[in-house]
Protein backbone atom coordinates (compact mmCIF):
# COMPACT_ATOMS: atom_id res chain seq x y z
CA MET A 1 50.71 9.73 2.93
CA SER A 2 51.07 11.92 6.02
CA ASP A 3 48.09 13.05 8.10
CA VAL A 4 48.70 16.67 7.03
CA THR A 5 48.87 15.68 3.36
CA GLU A 6 45.57 13.82 3.66
CA ARG A 7 43.85 16.75 5.37
CA THR A 8 45.24 19.49 3.11
CA GLY A 9 45.46 17.71 -0.23
CA THR A 10 49.07 18.54 -1.10
CA ASN A 11 49.60 15.33 -3.11
CA GLY A 12 53.23 16.20 -3.85
CA LEU A 13 52.36 19.16 -6.10
CA PRO A 14 54.65 22.19 -6.31
CA PRO A 15 53.44 25.09 -4.10
CA GLU A 16 52.21 27.26 -6.98
CA LEU A 17 49.78 24.48 -7.99
CA LEU A 18 48.43 23.71 -4.53
CA GLU A 19 45.03 24.74 -3.29
CA PRO A 20 45.18 27.81 -1.02
CA TRP A 21 44.15 25.91 2.13
CA ALA A 22 46.88 23.33 1.45
CA GLU A 23 49.53 26.06 1.13
CA LEU A 24 48.23 27.64 4.33
CA GLY A 25 48.26 24.27 6.12
CA VAL A 26 44.65 24.55 7.28
CA GLU A 27 41.70 22.20 6.99
CA LEU A 28 38.59 22.81 4.95
CA LEU A 29 35.46 23.77 6.83
CA VAL A 30 33.30 23.26 3.72
CA ASP A 31 34.38 20.89 0.94
CA GLU A 32 31.73 20.87 -1.78
CA PRO A 33 32.25 20.85 -5.56
CA HIS A 34 31.36 24.54 -6.00
CA VAL A 35 32.25 25.93 -2.56
CA LYS A 36 35.37 25.55 -0.44
CA SER A 37 35.85 27.32 2.91
CA TRP A 38 38.64 27.53 5.47
CA MET A 39 39.70 29.56 8.51
CA GLU A 40 42.99 31.42 8.94
CA VAL A 41 44.35 32.73 12.20
CA ILE A 42 47.24 35.20 11.93
CA LYS A 43 49.00 35.93 15.24
CA PRO A 44 50.11 39.48 16.09
CA GLY A 45 53.26 40.39 14.12
CA ALA A 46 53.13 37.12 12.18
CA ALA A 47 52.77 36.28 8.51
CA HIS A 48 50.86 33.39 7.04
CA PRO A 49 52.26 31.34 4.16
CA THR A 50 52.24 32.48 0.56
CA HIS A 51 49.31 30.93 -1.32
CA THR A 52 47.43 31.33 -4.63
CA HIS A 53 43.78 32.17 -5.18
CA ARG A 54 42.48 30.98 -8.55
CA TYR A 55 38.74 31.39 -7.95
CA PRO A 56 36.64 34.34 -6.77
CA PHE A 57 36.28 34.38 -2.98
CA VAL A 58 34.66 36.13 -0.06
CA THR A 59 36.59 36.79 3.14
CA VAL A 60 34.62 37.18 6.35
CA VAL A 61 36.50 38.87 9.17
CA VAL A 62 35.85 37.09 12.48
CA ALA A 63 38.46 39.07 14.47
CA GLY A 64 39.93 42.17 12.90
CA GLY A 65 43.14 44.14 12.90
CA GLU A 66 45.66 45.82 10.64
CA GLY A 67 46.58 43.53 7.77
CA ARG A 68 49.07 43.76 4.94
CA SER A 69 48.98 41.78 1.70
CA TRP A 70 52.33 41.10 -0.02
CA THR A 71 53.56 39.55 -3.24
CA PRO A 72 55.98 36.59 -2.91
CA ASP A 73 58.77 39.09 -3.81
CA GLY A 74 57.90 41.31 -0.84
CA GLU A 75 56.05 44.08 -2.71
CA LEU A 76 53.19 45.56 -0.70
CA ILE A 77 49.86 44.94 -2.48
CA GLN A 78 47.52 46.50 0.06
CA ARG A 79 47.27 47.83 3.64
CA MET A 80 43.90 47.14 5.15
CA THR A 81 41.98 47.70 8.33
CA LEU A 82 39.95 44.55 8.86
CA ARG A 83 36.86 44.98 11.02
CA ALA A 84 35.11 42.06 12.73
CA GLY A 85 31.90 41.20 10.93
CA GLU A 86 32.78 42.66 7.54
CA ALA A 87 32.89 40.63 4.33
CA ARG A 88 35.14 41.39 1.36
CA TYR A 89 34.61 40.05 -2.15
CA SER A 90 37.60 39.36 -4.42
CA GLY A 91 36.55 38.74 -8.03
CA ALA A 92 38.07 37.23 -11.13
CA GLU A 93 39.63 40.57 -12.17
CA ILE A 94 42.40 40.15 -9.57
CA LEU A 95 43.06 36.45 -10.20
CA PRO A 96 45.25 34.59 -10.05
CA LEU A 97 46.44 36.19 -6.82
CA ARG A 98 49.61 34.84 -5.22
CA HIS A 99 50.26 36.56 -1.91
CA HIS A 100 50.71 36.30 1.84
CA MET A 101 49.35 38.39 4.66
CA THR A 102 50.97 39.84 7.73
CA ASN A 103 49.31 41.01 10.92
CA ALA A 104 50.46 44.48 12.01
CA SER A 105 48.13 44.42 15.04
CA ASP A 106 48.47 43.60 18.71
CA SER A 107 45.72 40.94 18.47
CA GLU A 108 44.94 37.91 16.31
CA ILE A 109 43.32 38.32 12.91
CA VAL A 110 40.81 35.56 12.20
CA LEU A 111 39.46 35.18 8.68
CA VAL A 112 37.04 32.73 7.09
CA THR A 113 37.42 32.45 3.33
CA VAL A 114 34.68 31.11 1.10
CA GLU A 115 35.88 30.22 -2.40
CA LEU A 116 33.25 30.27 -5.15
CA ARG A 117 34.02 27.70 -7.86
CA PHE A 118 31.19 28.33 -10.31
CA PRO A 119 33.30 29.99 -13.03
CA GLY A 120 36.41 28.20 -14.22
CA PRO A 121 39.74 28.94 -12.58
CA VAL A 122 41.95 31.81 -13.66
CA ILE A 123 45.41 30.33 -14.11
């Protein structure tokens, strides 16, 4: 098993069944049965990988900017101005959510996501 596979938990699963942090290629900051957390850094003009949210989550904006959320087919879901220090809740009503984000800013967007695993997944 590769070092990246061990850290991200890909285990040979197809992308649509991977955990969001595994699809993003980032490590977990918190790995508890009912709470998972990870950090994403999106460079100016860049996109991060498509990933799927199956549980409600809170996103805390560490460094803000102009973000765009897209479906895997390239349909714009939402334009957003992300401000440092704000927190955004995404509940079960939008799940499952398969998307990727792009950074339309001149500076990095840094997000910390906290996934809440108390209710069952929405598949």
